[in-house]
């Protein structure tokens, strides 16, 4: 094992007990394309590592598209390895989460930026570029995600180095380049044709200032799209965007291959999960009504066999082999791995897909006309009396818990019940009640302000219908701007009580406002 890849060495370096490794000559392979023919051209250049900086753009903890969120998540282990190697070779690392950078006030990596001298950024290169392919930004297919600005920081697993910087503007990055005498910048991060290109610390801005900018093609992902009917996947979208960069903007490198040649990347490292499209998870499942097509890929492990299971068991080299996109028509838990010569070459991935039932009929008896026999909610209970928490109310009839309209998946409802999870509201059942019906979902009050900025990632509610204390129906985890869950629950003869429960999803109850819209009972005719 190379000394510099030992965990204890990395820990000591992070804690500041060891000096950084001296700069090394980097002779990298730069890939461009002929703008007319698209033919790949490879050239070589040698640069001292002390002249190179690494810019990591928008490695956020959330995105309004759940598949885009998970694709960022998939790259973080790989990017961590690359940034660690860059730091060891004396390359300064600039972490740039753009519009949420000032959520890092007080961090030395951010505060130190304001001590930099004010330098006028020169306009050295007139950077022109034809429009970049943009597939729309959602990789979930027909069940498209609803846009919101829920991110509030960088991915929690992204390592922030002691000597890293958090610049946000072209001037700040340029001042750092002057401070370190940098001539070259390597770009990693997301989403290639939007953030890496268009942000003020992005590739185009710094190229115009005279820096030699290089895109790491194995550590970026485009603002994605997905249309399995024409074999258009997020991976293909990224390939097209990278090729566009190579034709018109900047050369690319395969960062892993460059680090391998320098002895900074081990062949036995397993850092990439198998990619799933669309990529629902337990906490953010992919809801669908019509059958969907699920694509699996491992583009950075060519030749690997992708294996999967549908019964909840861990995939092995003997599990079902993936040969073509999967048709999913029922609620499914998918587990996926990739193997080569019997050895795992990918981290395991998991996909969660929940089939929604048909739209239920309108109720004959509305909840708003009935008095509950029991009602408890988010707060403290003393002898049966509930002291509701701040910014939370008892269950509200025909309005949200905060007093606004009931709003689920961009639709306003006039009838129903607004609660804050955890909450339970119980009703006595009458003999003529035959079915309970409702449209349930996370209330979208917070998207009224800045489209949910910093907050839309938090609401996550599970709805349950209990009859005489037994679970009769349950929703998957519901999030903002996802389709309402359709409840149409038969009531057994002789049943006495029905309880509507809204629970947090196991990740805390912050912003867990929830709506039972169009809720009530269908009676016997």
Protein backbone atom coordinates (compact mmCIF):
# COMPACT_ATOMS: atom_id res chain seq x y z
CA UNK A 1 0.00 0.00 0.00
CA UNK A 2 1.28 3.43 -0.92
CA UNK A 3 2.13 5.39 2.23
CA UNK A 4 0.07 8.33 1.12
CA UNK A 5 -3.12 6.27 0.74
CA UNK A 6 -3.05 4.91 4.28
CA UNK A 7 -6.05 6.10 6.31
CA UNK A 8 -3.86 7.19 9.23
CA UNK A 9 -1.73 9.34 6.95
CA UNK A 10 -4.79 11.04 5.47
CA UNK A 11 -6.13 11.68 8.96
CA UNK A 12 -2.88 13.22 10.17
CA UNK A 13 -2.67 15.38 7.08
CA UNK A 14 -6.24 16.59 7.58
CA UNK A 15 -5.46 17.43 11.20
CA UNK A 16 -2.42 19.40 10.15
CA UNK A 17 0.28 17.19 11.70
CA UNK A 18 2.05 16.42 8.44
CA UNK A 19 3.36 18.70 5.70
CA UNK A 20 1.83 18.60 2.27
CA UNK A 21 3.70 16.67 -0.38
CA UNK A 22 5.92 18.66 -2.68
CA UNK A 23 4.60 19.65 -6.06
CA UNK A 24 5.03 17.09 -8.82
CA UNK A 25 5.12 17.40 -12.61
CA UNK A 26 1.79 16.43 -14.16
CA UNK A 27 1.87 15.28 -17.79
CA UNK A 28 -1.76 14.94 -18.67
CA UNK A 29 -3.69 13.87 -21.75
CA UNK A 30 -6.01 16.63 -22.96
CA UNK A 31 -8.96 15.60 -25.07
CA UNK A 32 -10.65 17.98 -27.52
CA UNK A 33 -12.84 17.47 -30.59
CA UNK A 34 -12.87 18.97 -34.03
CA UNK A 35 -15.80 21.43 -34.01
CA UNK A 36 -17.01 20.30 -37.44
CA UNK A 37 -16.40 16.55 -37.51
CA UNK A 38 -16.42 15.75 -33.79
CA UNK A 39 -13.21 13.73 -34.21
CA UNK A 40 -11.35 13.30 -30.90
CA UNK A 41 -7.92 14.90 -30.68
CA UNK A 42 -5.56 14.04 -27.81
CA UNK A 43 -2.61 16.24 -26.93
CA UNK A 44 -0.22 16.17 -23.99
CA UNK A 45 0.97 18.94 -21.72
CA UNK A 46 3.23 18.99 -18.68
CA UNK A 47 2.33 21.32 -15.82
CA UNK A 48 3.77 21.56 -12.33
CA UNK A 49 1.03 20.59 -9.85
CA UNK A 50 1.65 23.78 -7.89
CA UNK A 51 0.31 25.70 -10.90
CA UNK A 52 -3.01 23.80 -10.89
CA UNK A 53 -6.12 24.50 -8.82
CA UNK A 54 -9.26 22.37 -8.58
CA UNK A 55 -12.68 24.03 -8.62
CA UNK A 56 -15.62 21.96 -7.33
CA UNK A 57 -18.91 23.56 -8.34
CA UNK A 58 -22.38 22.97 -6.84
CA UNK A 59 -21.89 19.60 -5.18
CA UNK A 60 -25.18 20.24 -3.40
CA UNK A 61 -26.99 18.15 -0.82
CA UNK A 62 -30.31 18.26 -2.72
CA UNK A 63 -31.87 19.00 -6.07
CA UNK A 64 -35.51 19.34 -7.05
CA UNK A 65 -35.02 16.31 -9.32
CA UNK A 66 -34.56 13.24 -7.12
CA UNK A 67 -32.56 11.41 -9.81
CA UNK A 68 -30.24 14.39 -10.19
CA UNK A 69 -29.80 14.43 -6.40
CA UNK A 70 -28.78 10.78 -6.35
CA UNK A 71 -26.44 11.18 -9.31
CA UNK A 72 -24.59 13.89 -7.38
CA UNK A 73 -24.53 11.54 -4.40
CA UNK A 74 -23.03 8.85 -6.65
CA UNK A 75 -20.05 11.03 -7.59
CA UNK A 76 -19.10 12.21 -4.10
CA UNK A 77 -16.88 9.21 -3.13
CA UNK A 78 -14.98 9.59 -6.43
CA UNK A 79 -14.62 13.35 -6.05
CA UNK A 80 -13.40 12.96 -2.45
CA UNK A 81 -10.60 10.67 -3.63
CA UNK A 82 -9.59 13.11 -6.36
CA UNK A 83 -9.62 16.18 -4.11
CA UNK A 84 -7.57 14.36 -1.47
CA UNK A 85 -4.95 13.52 -4.09
CA UNK A 86 -4.98 17.10 -5.39
CA UNK A 87 -4.39 18.49 -1.89
CA UNK A 88 -1.49 16.07 -1.39
CA UNK A 89 0.13 17.37 -4.56
CA UNK A 90 -0.15 20.97 -3.47
CA UNK A 91 -3.14 21.89 -5.60
CA UNK A 92 -5.43 24.37 -3.83
CA UNK A 93 -9.06 23.23 -3.74
CA UNK A 94 -11.89 25.73 -4.22
CA UNK A 95 -15.30 24.49 -3.02
CA UNK A 96 -18.01 26.59 -4.69
CA UNK A 97 -21.63 25.81 -3.76
CA UNK A 98 -22.70 29.08 -5.46
CA UNK A 99 -26.09 30.26 -4.22
CA UNK A 100 -25.76 28.62 -0.78
CA UNK A 101 -22.12 29.56 -0.15
CA UNK A 102 -23.08 32.08 2.53
CA UNK A 103 -24.66 29.33 4.58
CA UNK A 104 -21.00 28.70 5.45
CA UNK A 105 -20.48 31.97 7.30
CA UNK A 106 -18.03 31.40 10.13
CA UNK A 107 -16.20 28.62 8.31
CA UNK A 108 -12.54 29.63 7.96
CA UNK A 109 -12.59 28.37 4.36
CA UNK A 110 -15.23 31.02 3.57
CA UNK A 111 -14.16 33.86 5.87
CA UNK A 112 -10.57 33.80 4.59
CA UNK A 113 -11.83 34.75 1.13
CA UNK A 114 -12.69 38.24 2.36
CA UNK A 115 -9.06 38.92 3.28
CA UNK A 116 -7.97 38.55 -0.33
CA UNK A 117 -6.83 41.71 -2.10
CA UNK A 118 -9.29 43.34 -4.49
CA UNK A 119 -7.98 42.61 -7.97
CA UNK A 120 -9.45 43.72 -11.25
CA UNK A 121 -10.19 40.70 -13.40
CA UNK A 122 -8.81 41.14 -16.90
CA UNK A 123 -10.79 40.24 -20.00
CA UNK A 124 -8.18 38.17 -21.82
CA UNK A 125 -10.22 35.80 -23.98
CA UNK A 126 -13.54 36.43 -25.73
CA UNK A 127 -15.22 33.11 -25.02
CA UNK A 128 -17.94 32.24 -27.51
CA UNK A 129 -19.91 29.03 -27.56
CA UNK A 130 -22.95 27.72 -29.45
CA UNK A 131 -25.96 26.81 -27.27
CA UNK A 132 -25.22 23.79 -25.10
CA UNK A 133 -27.54 20.75 -25.20
CA UNK A 134 -30.06 21.04 -22.37
CA UNK A 135 -32.40 18.14 -21.76
CA UNK A 136 -34.73 19.92 -19.35
CA UNK A 137 -33.20 19.15 -15.99
CA UNK A 138 -35.38 16.23 -14.81
CA UNK A 139 -34.17 12.65 -15.20
CA UNK A 140 -37.34 10.98 -13.93
CA UNK A 141 -39.14 10.55 -17.25
CA UNK A 142 -42.89 11.04 -17.52
CA UNK A 143 -43.35 11.38 -13.75
CA UNK A 144 -41.44 14.65 -13.80
CA UNK A 145 -40.31 16.22 -10.52
CA UNK A 146 -41.64 19.62 -9.46
CA UNK A 147 -39.03 22.35 -9.23
CA UNK A 148 -38.05 23.75 -5.84
CA UNK A 149 -34.92 25.26 -4.30
CA UNK A 150 -34.48 22.96 -1.35
CA UNK A 151 -30.69 22.71 -1.19
CA UNK A 152 -29.00 24.50 1.70
CA UNK A 153 -25.38 23.38 1.47
CA UNK A 154 -22.87 20.98 0.00
CA UNK A 155 -23.29 17.21 0.13
CA UNK A 156 -22.78 16.10 3.74
CA UNK A 157 -20.20 13.49 2.72
CA UNK A 158 -18.05 15.90 0.74
CA UNK A 159 -14.82 16.39 2.67
CA UNK A 160 -13.93 20.02 3.40
CA UNK A 161 -10.16 20.28 3.70
CA UNK A 162 -8.49 22.43 6.34
CA UNK A 163 -6.80 24.60 3.69
CA UNK A 164 -9.60 24.65 1.15
CA UNK A 165 -11.27 27.87 0.05
CA UNK A 166 -14.92 28.76 -0.61
CA UNK A 167 -14.94 31.52 -3.23
CA UNK A 168 -18.11 32.54 -5.02
CA UNK A 169 -17.28 35.12 -7.66
CA UNK A 170 -14.98 35.41 -10.64
CA UNK A 171 -12.97 38.05 -8.78
CA UNK A 172 -12.52 35.83 -5.72
CA UNK A 173 -11.33 32.86 -7.77
CA UNK A 174 -9.03 35.09 -9.81
CA UNK A 175 -7.52 36.58 -6.63
CA UNK A 176 -6.78 33.05 -5.40
CA UNK A 177 -5.19 32.17 -8.72
CA UNK A 178 -2.94 35.22 -8.32
CA UNK A 179 -2.14 34.30 -4.73
CA UNK A 180 -0.98 30.81 -5.66
CA UNK A 181 0.43 31.63 -9.09
CA UNK A 182 -2.03 29.28 -10.78
CA UNK A 183 -2.17 28.96 -14.54
CA UNK A 184 -4.55 26.00 -14.83
CA UNK A 185 -7.89 25.07 -13.26
CA UNK A 186 -9.50 21.62 -13.22
CA UNK A 187 -13.29 21.72 -12.97
CA UNK A 188 -15.37 19.03 -11.27
CA UNK A 189 -19.00 19.24 -10.23
CA UNK A 190 -22.53 19.80 -11.45
CA UNK A 191 -24.55 20.47 -13.56
CA UNK A 192 -22.16 20.82 -16.47
CA UNK A 193 -24.01 22.95 -19.00
CA UNK A 194 -25.67 25.13 -16.36
CA UNK A 195 -23.49 25.61 -13.27
CA UNK A 196 -19.99 24.73 -14.51
CA UNK A 197 -20.58 26.88 -17.55
CA UNK A 198 -22.76 29.73 -16.37
CA UNK A 199 -21.84 30.49 -12.75
CA UNK A 200 -19.46 33.42 -12.02
CA UNK A 201 -16.76 31.07 -10.77
CA UNK A 202 -17.44 28.68 -13.66
CA UNK A 203 -15.27 27.53 -16.50
CA UNK A 204 -16.29 30.14 -19.07
CA UNK A 205 -15.75 33.03 -16.64
CA UNK A 206 -12.27 31.90 -15.64
CA UNK A 207 -11.25 31.07 -19.19
CA UNK A 208 -12.17 34.62 -20.18
CA UNK A 209 -9.77 35.83 -17.46
CA UNK A 210 -6.88 33.95 -19.09
CA UNK A 211 -6.80 30.74 -17.03
CA UNK A 212 -6.26 27.44 -18.82
CA UNK A 213 -9.43 25.58 -17.83
CA UNK A 214 -9.87 21.82 -18.02
CA UNK A 215 -13.03 19.77 -17.40
CA UNK A 216 -12.76 16.44 -15.56
CA UNK A 217 -15.13 14.42 -17.71
CA UNK A 218 -15.33 11.53 -15.22
CA UNK A 219 -16.37 13.84 -12.37
CA UNK A 220 -19.20 15.87 -13.84
CA UNK A 221 -22.83 15.32 -14.71
CA UNK A 222 -25.11 17.33 -16.97
CA UNK A 223 -28.46 18.86 -16.07
CA UNK A 224 -30.21 15.64 -17.01
CA UNK A 225 -33.09 14.32 -19.05
CA UNK A 226 -34.59 10.86 -19.61
CA UNK A 227 -36.65 9.42 -22.45
CA UNK A 228 -36.27 5.63 -22.57
CA UNK A 229 -38.48 5.42 -25.66
CA UNK A 230 -35.62 6.91 -27.69
CA UNK A 231 -32.80 5.54 -25.52
CA UNK A 232 -31.99 8.99 -24.18
CA UNK A 233 -30.48 8.68 -20.70
CA UNK A 234 -28.69 11.03 -18.27
CA UNK A 235 -25.41 9.29 -19.15
CA UNK A 236 -25.94 9.99 -22.85
CA UNK A 237 -26.94 13.57 -22.06
CA UNK A 238 -23.69 14.04 -20.12
CA UNK A 239 -21.64 12.54 -22.95
CA UNK A 240 -23.22 15.01 -25.38
CA UNK A 241 -22.55 17.99 -23.12
CA UNK A 242 -18.94 16.93 -22.49
CA UNK A 243 -18.42 16.54 -26.24
CA UNK A 244 -19.83 20.05 -26.73
CA UNK A 245 -17.31 21.40 -24.21
CA UNK A 246 -14.49 19.59 -26.03
CA UNK A 247 -15.55 21.10 -29.36
CA UNK A 248 -16.14 24.67 -28.28
CA UNK A 249 -14.94 25.48 -24.76
CA UNK A 250 -12.15 23.51 -23.14
CA UNK A 251 -10.20 20.27 -23.16
CA UNK A 252 -11.13 17.46 -20.81
CA UNK A 253 -9.18 14.96 -18.76
CA UNK A 254 -10.12 11.67 -17.20
CA UNK A 255 -9.11 12.65 -13.68
CA UNK A 256 -8.93 9.08 -12.37
CA UNK A 257 -6.60 8.01 -15.18
CA UNK A 258 -4.34 11.01 -14.61
CA UNK A 259 -4.13 10.26 -10.89
CA UNK A 260 -3.48 6.58 -11.60
CA UNK A 261 -0.47 7.47 -13.75
CA UNK A 262 0.83 9.54 -10.84
CA UNK A 263 0.32 6.66 -8.39
CA UNK A 264 -2.48 8.53 -6.61
CA UNK A 265 -5.40 6.23 -7.45
CA UNK A 266 -5.57 2.57 -6.50
CA UNK A 267 -7.09 0.06 -8.87
CA UNK A 268 -8.89 -1.76 -6.06
CA UNK A 269 -10.83 1.29 -4.91
CA UNK A 270 -14.59 0.80 -5.29
CA UNK A 271 -16.14 4.26 -5.29
CA UNK A 272 -19.01 4.35 -7.80
CA UNK A 273 -22.52 3.03 -7.23
CA UNK A 274 -24.53 1.61 -10.11
CA UNK A 275 -26.71 4.41 -11.47
CA UNK A 276 -30.48 3.99 -11.55
CA UNK A 277 -32.84 6.04 -13.72
CA UNK A 278 -35.26 7.18 -12.44
CA UNK A 279 -33.64 6.96 -9.03
CA UNK A 280 -36.20 6.85 -6.25
CA UNK A 281 -35.06 6.10 -2.72
CA UNK A 282 -36.83 5.12 0.49
CA UNK A 283 -36.91 8.73 1.67
CA UNK A 284 -37.73 10.05 -1.78
CA UNK A 285 -39.50 7.27 -3.67
CA UNK A 286 -40.44 7.44 -7.32
CA UNK A 287 -44.23 7.51 -7.53
CA UNK A 288 -45.94 6.36 -10.72
CA UNK A 289 -49.38 5.44 -12.01
CA UNK A 290 -48.53 3.94 -15.41
CA UNK A 291 -45.72 1.37 -15.87
CA UNK A 292 -42.26 2.91 -16.05
CA UNK A 293 -38.93 1.96 -17.61
CA UNK A 294 -35.91 1.78 -15.29
CA UNK A 295 -32.39 1.96 -16.72
CA UNK A 296 -29.25 0.76 -14.90
CA UNK A 297 -25.71 1.78 -15.83
CA UNK A 298 -22.10 1.74 -14.71
CA UNK A 299 -20.37 3.91 -17.33
CA UNK A 300 -17.11 4.25 -15.39
CA UNK A 301 -16.72 0.46 -15.12
CA UNK A 302 -16.92 -0.70 -18.74
CA UNK A 303 -17.27 -4.44 -19.06
CA UNK A 304 -18.81 -4.95 -15.63
CA UNK A 305 -21.85 -7.20 -15.21
CA UNK A 306 -24.75 -5.40 -13.57
CA UNK A 307 -26.75 -7.72 -11.32
CA UNK A 308 -30.00 -6.95 -9.52
CA UNK A 309 -32.67 -8.33 -7.19
CA UNK A 310 -36.31 -7.48 -6.70
CA UNK A 311 -36.95 -9.37 -3.44
CA UNK A 312 -34.94 -7.15 -1.08
CA UNK A 313 -31.90 -9.43 -1.00
CA UNK A 314 -28.36 -8.18 -1.64
CA UNK A 315 -27.16 -8.60 -5.24
CA UNK A 316 -24.39 -11.10 -5.92
CA UNK A 317 -22.52 -12.20 -9.06
CA UNK A 318 -25.23 -14.87 -9.42
CA UNK A 319 -28.21 -12.52 -9.22
CA UNK A 320 -30.28 -11.65 -12.30
CA UNK A 321 -28.13 -10.06 -14.99
CA UNK A 322 -29.17 -6.71 -16.37
CA UNK A 323 -29.32 -6.85 -20.17
CA UNK A 324 -31.97 -4.28 -21.04
CA UNK A 325 -34.10 -1.64 -19.28
CA UNK A 326 -36.54 -3.00 -16.72
CA UNK A 327 -40.31 -2.63 -16.99
CA UNK A 328 -41.70 -1.78 -13.54
CA UNK A 329 -45.46 -1.96 -13.12
CA UNK A 330 -45.85 -2.58 -9.37
CA UNK A 331 -44.37 -1.21 -6.16
CA UNK A 332 -40.78 -2.43 -6.23
CA UNK A 333 -37.63 -2.40 -4.13
CA UNK A 334 -34.64 -2.76 -6.44
CA UNK A 335 -31.11 -3.57 -5.28
CA UNK A 336 -28.24 -3.40 -7.77
CA UNK A 337 -24.53 -4.20 -7.89
CA UNK A 338 -21.83 -4.58 -10.57
CA UNK A 339 -19.20 -7.30 -10.72
CA UNK A 340 -16.19 -8.26 -12.77
CA UNK A 341 -14.58 -11.69 -12.45
CA UNK A 342 -16.71 -12.25 -9.36
CA UNK A 343 -15.46 -9.11 -7.60
CA UNK A 344 -17.64 -6.12 -6.80
CA UNK A 345 -16.53 -3.09 -8.84
CA UNK A 346 -19.42 -0.84 -7.84
CA UNK A 347 -21.05 0.14 -4.60
CA UNK A 348 -24.53 -1.28 -4.17
CA UNK A 349 -27.45 0.93 -5.17
CA UNK A 350 -31.08 0.78 -4.19
CA UNK A 351 -34.16 2.05 -5.98
CA UNK A 352 -37.63 2.55 -4.53
CA UNK A 353 -40.69 2.70 -6.78
CA UNK A 354 -44.27 3.07 -5.52
CA UNK A 355 -47.34 2.52 -7.69
CA UNK A 356 -50.19 4.89 -6.94
CA UNK A 357 -53.73 3.57 -7.20
CA UNK A 358 -56.54 5.00 -9.34
CA UNK A 359 -58.04 8.35 -8.43
CA UNK A 360 -60.62 7.67 -5.68
CA UNK A 361 -64.24 8.79 -5.92
CA UNK A 362 -65.46 11.92 -4.21
CA UNK A 363 -66.64 11.34 -0.63
CA UNK A 364 -70.32 11.41 0.26
CA UNK A 365 -69.56 12.46 3.84
CA UNK A 366 -66.73 14.97 4.31
CA UNK A 367 -64.41 14.88 7.31
CA UNK A 368 -65.21 18.54 7.88
CA UNK A 369 -68.79 17.58 8.80
CA UNK A 370 -67.66 15.08 11.44
CA UNK A 371 -66.31 15.58 14.94
CA UNK A 372 -63.24 13.50 15.76
CA UNK A 373 -63.30 11.32 18.86
CA UNK A 374 -59.56 11.81 19.40
CA UNK A 375 -57.07 14.34 18.05
CA UNK A 376 -53.39 14.55 18.96
CA UNK A 377 -50.54 16.33 17.24
CA UNK A 378 -47.04 17.69 17.27
CA UNK A 379 -46.34 18.94 20.80
CA UNK A 380 -46.43 17.75 24.40
CA UNK A 381 -49.33 15.86 25.97
CA UNK A 382 -50.37 16.11 29.62
CA UNK A 383 -53.21 13.91 30.80
CA UNK A 384 -54.75 13.89 27.34
CA UNK A 385 -54.36 17.63 26.75
CA UNK A 386 -52.00 18.60 23.93
CA UNK A 387 -49.72 21.63 24.14
CA UNK A 388 -48.95 22.19 20.48
CA UNK A 389 -45.46 23.22 19.44
CA UNK A 390 -44.67 26.68 18.15
CA UNK A 391 -45.74 27.29 14.55
CA UNK A 392 -48.05 24.27 14.81
CA UNK A 393 -51.80 24.14 15.36
CA UNK A 394 -54.37 21.47 16.12
CA UNK A 395 -55.66 19.76 12.96
CA UNK A 396 -57.38 22.35 10.82
CA UNK A 397 -60.56 21.75 8.85
CA UNK A 398 -60.62 22.72 5.15
CA UNK A 399 -57.28 24.56 5.40
CA UNK A 400 -53.64 23.79 5.99
CA UNK A 401 -52.24 23.52 9.48
CA UNK A 402 -50.77 27.00 9.06
CA UNK A 403 -54.13 28.44 8.01
CA UNK A 404 -53.55 28.70 4.27
CA UNK A 405 -55.12 26.68 1.49
CA UNK A 406 -54.62 22.94 1.29
CA UNK A 407 -51.99 22.61 -1.42
CA UNK A 408 -50.59 19.33 -2.73
CA UNK A 409 -48.58 18.96 -5.95
CA UNK A 410 -49.36 22.50 -7.09
CA UNK A 411 -53.10 21.93 -6.69
CA UNK A 412 -55.28 23.79 -4.20
CA UNK A 413 -58.08 21.89 -2.48
CA UNK A 414 -60.96 23.47 -0.57
CA UNK A 415 -61.91 20.45 1.54
CA UNK A 416 -59.89 18.31 3.88
CA UNK A 417 -57.73 18.32 6.97
CA UNK A 418 -54.40 20.13 7.55
CA UNK A 419 -52.05 18.62 10.16
CA UNK A 420 -48.42 18.62 11.26
CA UNK A 421 -46.82 15.21 11.60
CA UNK A 422 -46.78 13.37 13.90
CA UNK A 423 -50.54 13.55 14.23
CA UNK A 424 -53.50 11.20 14.67
CA UNK A 425 -57.18 12.06 14.22
CA UNK A 426 -59.76 9.39 15.02
CA UNK A 427 -63.39 9.09 13.90
CA UNK A 428 -66.25 6.84 14.93
CA UNK A 429 -67.42 4.70 12.03
CA UNK A 430 -71.10 4.49 11.11
CA UNK A 431 -72.60 1.31 9.64
CA UNK A 432 -73.27 3.00 6.30
CA UNK A 433 -69.59 4.00 5.80
CA UNK A 434 -68.20 1.66 3.16
CA UNK A 435 -64.94 3.27 2.05
CA UNK A 436 -62.55 5.96 3.21
CA UNK A 437 -61.14 8.14 0.41
CA UNK A 438 -58.55 10.93 0.36
CA UNK A 439 -55.74 12.57 -1.57
CA UNK A 440 -52.78 12.84 0.82
CA UNK A 441 -49.55 14.74 0.47
CA UNK A 442 -47.01 17.12 1.96
CA UNK A 443 -48.46 20.63 2.17
CA UNK A 444 -46.63 23.09 -0.07
CA UNK A 445 -46.97 26.29 1.95
CA UNK A 446 -43.21 26.84 1.99
CA UNK A 447 -42.83 26.98 -1.79
CA UNK A 448 -44.67 30.32 -1.73
CA UNK A 449 -41.44 31.94 -0.51
CA UNK A 450 -38.48 31.72 -2.91
CA UNK A 451 -39.85 28.44 -4.26
CA UNK A 452 -38.94 26.62 -1.05
CA UNK A 453 -35.40 27.95 -0.81
CA UNK A 454 -33.34 26.00 1.77
CA UNK A 455 -36.48 24.27 3.13
CA UNK A 456 -38.15 22.15 0.45
CA UNK A 457 -35.85 19.22 1.20
CA UNK A 458 -37.29 18.76 4.70
CA UNK A 459 -41.02 17.90 4.46
CA UNK A 460 -41.32 14.11 4.46
CA UNK A 461 -44.51 12.46 5.69
CA UNK A 462 -45.91 8.93 5.79
CA UNK A 463 -49.71 8.65 5.88
CA UNK A 464 -51.50 5.70 7.45
CA UNK A 465 -55.12 4.65 7.74
CA UNK A 466 -55.84 2.47 10.78
CA UNK A 467 -59.13 0.66 11.29
CA UNK A 468 -59.75 -0.55 14.84
CA UNK A 469 -56.04 -0.06 15.49
CA UNK A 470 -54.84 -2.16 12.55
CA UNK A 471 -53.06 -0.73 9.53
CA UNK A 472 -55.41 -0.78 6.55
CA UNK A 473 -53.38 1.36 4.11
CA UNK A 474 -50.11 3.28 4.07
CA UNK A 475 -48.43 5.70 1.70
CA UNK A 476 -44.75 5.81 0.78
CA UNK A 477 -42.77 8.83 1.98
CA UNK A 478 -44.44 11.92 0.54
CA UNK A 479 -42.48 15.05 -0.39
CA UNK A 480 -43.34 18.51 -1.71
CA UNK A 481 -44.34 18.78 -5.36
CA UNK A 482 -45.00 15.08 -5.76
CA UNK A 483 -48.35 13.62 -6.77
CA UNK A 484 -50.89 13.13 -3.99
CA UNK A 485 -51.23 9.57 -2.71
CA UNK A 486 -54.61 8.05 -3.54
CA UNK A 487 -56.39 6.43 -0.61
CA UNK A 488 -59.45 4.29 -1.33
CA UNK A 489 -59.79 2.01 1.68
CA UNK A 490 -62.63 -0.49 2.16
CA UNK A 491 -64.17 -0.50 5.66
CA UNK A 492 -65.04 -3.96 7.01
CA UNK A 493 -68.54 -4.55 8.33
CA UNK A 494 -68.69 -4.00 12.06
CA UNK A 495 -65.60 -1.77 12.20
CA UNK A 496 -65.87 0.83 14.96
CA UNK A 497 -63.16 3.44 14.54
CA UNK A 498 -60.85 4.86 11.89
CA UNK A 499 -57.64 6.74 12.64
CA UNK A 500 -55.81 8.98 10.21
CA UNK A 501 -52.13 9.09 11.06
CA UNK A 502 -49.44 11.36 9.62
CA UNK A 503 -45.92 10.34 10.69
CA UNK A 504 -42.49 11.80 10.07
CA UNK A 505 -40.42 9.59 7.77
CA UNK A 506 -37.76 8.84 10.35
CA UNK A 507 -35.66 11.88 9.51
CA UNK A 508 -37.23 14.34 11.92
CA UNK A 509 -40.43 16.38 11.73
CA UNK A 510 -39.09 19.70 10.45
CA UNK A 511 -41.64 21.33 8.10
CA UNK A 512 -43.75 18.15 8.11
CA UNK A 513 -47.03 19.88 7.34
CA UNK A 514 -49.42 17.43 5.73
CA UNK A 515 -52.83 17.47 4.07
CA UNK A 516 -55.65 14.96 3.87
CA UNK A 517 -57.41 16.58 0.88
CA UNK A 518 -60.88 15.64 -0.41
CA UNK A 519 -61.09 13.27 2.57
CA UNK A 520 -64.22 11.52 3.77
CA UNK A 521 -66.44 8.47 3.46
CA UNK A 522 -68.29 6.81 0.63
CA UNK A 523 -71.60 5.49 1.95
CA UNK A 524 -73.79 2.56 1.00
CA UNK A 525 -76.38 3.42 -1.65
